[in-house]
């Protein structure tokens, strides 16, 4: 299951969660069953606080799980971590499906509406809203210009095709 880490979509997904997540998980699998957060910090050459922060973010999403054990001598708790690759794959799949659905909706909207944007490219407005604003963005008073839908359609189509390829529809 650790082969999922070799996929580009996995790297992108983990990078969105935390900049250190991908490095942490790939190093984790390289060194076998490293379960202790201090050992993870050592093998990744990162500060323990950074590793713990990343582990907590991954734990929140269910990608890693932990068990804690109290050290009888020191009274401190030791945390032992494990990766749930099925959960990781499931989250990536969900995220890609949601993105696919949004792109399909955007594609439909591009077919049905004309869009306008100010010269700063901050916000796109459909024709109806742009007309209400007299083709001037209220926040910055810049003129709203018509968007060439061709390039938007092409970009959207390329991304839809990539998702279909990634998920093998």
Protein backbone atom coordinates (compact mmCIF):
# COMPACT_ATOMS: atom_id res chain seq x y z
CA UNK A 1 0.00 0.00 0.00
CA UNK A 2 2.92 2.37 0.47
CA UNK A 3 3.16 2.53 -3.34
CA UNK A 4 0.50 5.23 -3.11
CA UNK A 5 3.25 7.58 -1.94
CA UNK A 6 4.89 7.35 -5.38
CA UNK A 7 1.90 9.01 -7.06
CA UNK A 8 2.02 12.70 -7.91
CA UNK A 9 -1.56 13.21 -6.70
CA UNK A 10 -0.52 11.90 -3.29
CA UNK A 11 2.34 14.37 -3.11
CA UNK A 12 0.01 17.23 -4.06
CA UNK A 13 -2.65 16.14 -1.58
CA UNK A 14 -0.22 15.80 1.33
CA UNK A 15 1.50 19.09 0.50
CA UNK A 16 -1.86 20.86 0.85
CA UNK A 17 -2.29 19.39 4.32
CA UNK A 18 1.19 20.25 5.56
CA UNK A 19 4.44 21.11 3.79
CA UNK A 20 6.27 18.37 5.71
CA UNK A 21 3.65 15.61 5.39
CA UNK A 22 4.98 14.04 2.19
CA UNK A 23 8.60 14.03 3.37
CA UNK A 24 7.56 12.59 6.72
CA UNK A 25 5.53 9.73 5.25
CA UNK A 26 8.05 8.80 2.56
CA UNK A 27 10.90 8.73 5.06
CA UNK A 28 8.72 6.77 7.44
CA UNK A 29 8.24 4.02 4.89
CA UNK A 30 11.91 4.04 3.85
CA UNK A 31 13.03 3.19 7.35
CA UNK A 32 10.46 0.49 7.96
CA UNK A 33 8.18 0.55 10.92
CA UNK A 34 9.42 3.71 12.62
CA UNK A 35 6.67 4.30 15.14
CA UNK A 36 8.05 6.76 17.64
CA UNK A 37 7.76 10.50 16.90
CA UNK A 38 11.26 11.13 18.23
CA UNK A 39 12.69 8.50 15.88
CA UNK A 40 10.71 10.06 13.00
CA UNK A 41 12.27 13.42 13.81
CA UNK A 42 15.69 11.80 13.77
CA UNK A 43 15.28 9.99 10.43
CA UNK A 44 13.68 13.01 8.72
CA UNK A 45 16.23 15.42 10.22
CA UNK A 46 13.44 17.70 11.47
CA UNK A 47 12.68 19.25 14.83
CA UNK A 48 10.46 17.12 17.04
CA UNK A 49 7.92 19.97 17.29
CA UNK A 50 7.60 20.09 13.49
CA UNK A 51 7.14 16.32 13.29
CA UNK A 52 4.54 16.34 16.08
CA UNK A 53 2.65 19.19 14.44
CA UNK A 54 2.58 17.33 11.12
CA UNK A 55 1.54 14.08 12.82
CA UNK A 56 -1.31 15.88 14.57
CA UNK A 57 -2.56 17.33 11.26
CA UNK A 58 -2.40 13.89 9.66
CA UNK A 59 -4.08 12.36 12.70
CA UNK A 60 -6.93 14.87 12.49
CA UNK A 61 -7.66 13.58 8.96
CA UNK A 62 -7.28 9.94 10.06
CA UNK A 63 -4.19 9.29 7.92
CA UNK A 64 -2.09 8.37 10.95
CA UNK A 65 -3.23 6.92 14.25
CA UNK A 66 -1.45 6.64 17.55
CA UNK A 67 -1.35 4.64 20.72
CA UNK A 68 0.06 6.09 23.89
CA UNK A 69 1.86 4.30 26.63
CA UNK A 70 2.96 5.72 29.97
CA UNK A 71 6.62 5.28 30.80
CA UNK A 72 6.61 4.01 34.39
CA UNK A 73 10.04 5.45 35.17
CA UNK A 74 9.61 8.99 33.88
CA UNK A 75 5.83 9.32 34.04
CA UNK A 76 5.82 10.69 30.48
CA UNK A 77 3.67 9.31 27.70
CA UNK A 78 5.25 7.73 24.64
CA UNK A 79 3.27 7.90 21.41
CA UNK A 80 3.51 5.15 18.81
CA UNK A 81 2.23 6.05 15.36
CA UNK A 82 0.97 4.06 12.40
CA UNK A 83 -0.07 5.04 8.86
CA UNK A 84 -3.49 4.13 7.49
CA UNK A 85 -2.81 3.96 3.74
CA UNK A 86 -6.40 2.98 2.97
CA UNK A 87 -7.63 6.16 4.62
CA UNK A 88 -5.06 8.19 2.69
CA UNK A 89 -6.20 6.64 -0.59
CA UNK A 90 -9.84 7.23 0.32
CA UNK A 91 -9.24 10.91 1.13
CA UNK A 92 -7.34 11.47 -2.11
CA UNK A 93 -10.10 9.77 -4.08
CA UNK A 94 -12.77 11.89 -2.35
CA UNK A 95 -10.85 15.09 -2.99
CA UNK A 96 -10.38 14.25 -6.67
CA UNK A 97 -14.07 13.35 -7.13
CA UNK A 98 -15.12 16.64 -5.49
CA UNK A 99 -12.73 18.56 -7.73
CA UNK A 100 -14.03 16.68 -10.77
CA UNK A 101 -17.63 17.58 -9.88
CA UNK A 102 -16.72 21.25 -9.41
CA UNK A 103 -14.93 21.33 -12.75
CA UNK A 104 -17.88 19.73 -14.50
CA UNK A 105 -20.14 22.40 -12.96
CA UNK A 106 -17.68 25.12 -14.02
CA UNK A 107 -17.64 23.67 -17.53
CA UNK A 108 -21.45 23.85 -17.61
CA UNK A 109 -21.41 27.44 -16.31
CA UNK A 110 -18.88 28.46 -18.95
CA UNK A 111 -21.21 27.11 -21.62
CA UNK A 112 -24.22 28.95 -20.24
CA UNK A 113 -22.79 32.31 -19.10
CA UNK A 114 -20.40 35.04 -20.10
CA UNK A 115 -17.95 36.13 -17.40
CA UNK A 116 -16.23 39.40 -16.65
CA UNK A 117 -13.20 40.22 -14.52
CA UNK A 118 -11.47 43.40 -13.36
CA UNK A 119 -7.95 44.22 -14.53
CA UNK A 120 -6.53 42.83 -11.26
CA UNK A 121 -8.06 39.41 -12.03
CA UNK A 122 -9.40 39.28 -8.49
CA UNK A 123 -12.98 38.06 -9.00
CA UNK A 124 -14.97 36.71 -11.92
CA UNK A 125 -18.56 37.87 -12.31
CA UNK A 126 -21.26 36.38 -14.53
CA UNK A 127 -22.82 38.81 -17.02
CA UNK A 128 -25.90 39.40 -14.86
CA UNK A 129 -23.88 40.51 -11.83
CA UNK A 130 -21.41 42.54 -13.93
CA UNK A 131 -24.34 44.39 -15.51
CA UNK A 132 -25.77 45.17 -12.05
CA UNK A 133 -22.41 46.74 -11.16
CA UNK A 134 -22.38 48.68 -14.45
CA UNK A 135 -19.30 46.66 -15.45
CA UNK A 136 -17.23 48.25 -12.67
CA UNK A 137 -16.05 46.31 -9.64
CA UNK A 138 -17.37 48.09 -6.53
CA UNK A 139 -14.39 47.25 -4.30
CA UNK A 140 -11.67 48.62 -6.57
CA UNK A 141 -13.66 50.61 -9.19
CA UNK A 142 -11.81 48.92 -12.05
CA UNK A 143 -13.65 48.23 -15.28
CA UNK A 144 -14.87 44.68 -15.74
CA UNK A 145 -13.63 43.15 -18.99
CA UNK A 146 -15.12 40.20 -20.85
CA UNK A 147 -13.23 36.93 -20.32
CA UNK A 148 -12.23 34.82 -23.28
CA UNK A 149 -14.03 31.58 -22.45
CA UNK A 150 -11.89 29.55 -24.85
CA UNK A 151 -8.81 29.51 -22.62
CA UNK A 152 -10.91 28.81 -19.50
CA UNK A 153 -12.67 25.96 -21.26
CA UNK A 154 -9.35 24.49 -22.39
CA UNK A 155 -7.82 24.69 -18.90
CA UNK A 156 -10.94 23.15 -17.37
CA UNK A 157 -10.98 20.35 -19.95
CA UNK A 158 -7.29 19.60 -19.38
CA UNK A 159 -7.83 19.32 -15.62
CA UNK A 160 -10.93 17.14 -16.08
CA UNK A 161 -8.95 14.84 -18.38
CA UNK A 162 -6.11 14.64 -15.84
CA UNK A 163 -8.50 13.68 -13.05
CA UNK A 164 -10.11 11.05 -15.28
CA UNK A 165 -6.64 9.69 -16.03
CA UNK A 166 -5.65 9.75 -12.34
CA UNK A 167 -8.78 7.97 -11.23
CA UNK A 168 -9.13 5.73 -14.30
CA UNK A 169 -12.81 6.38 -14.98
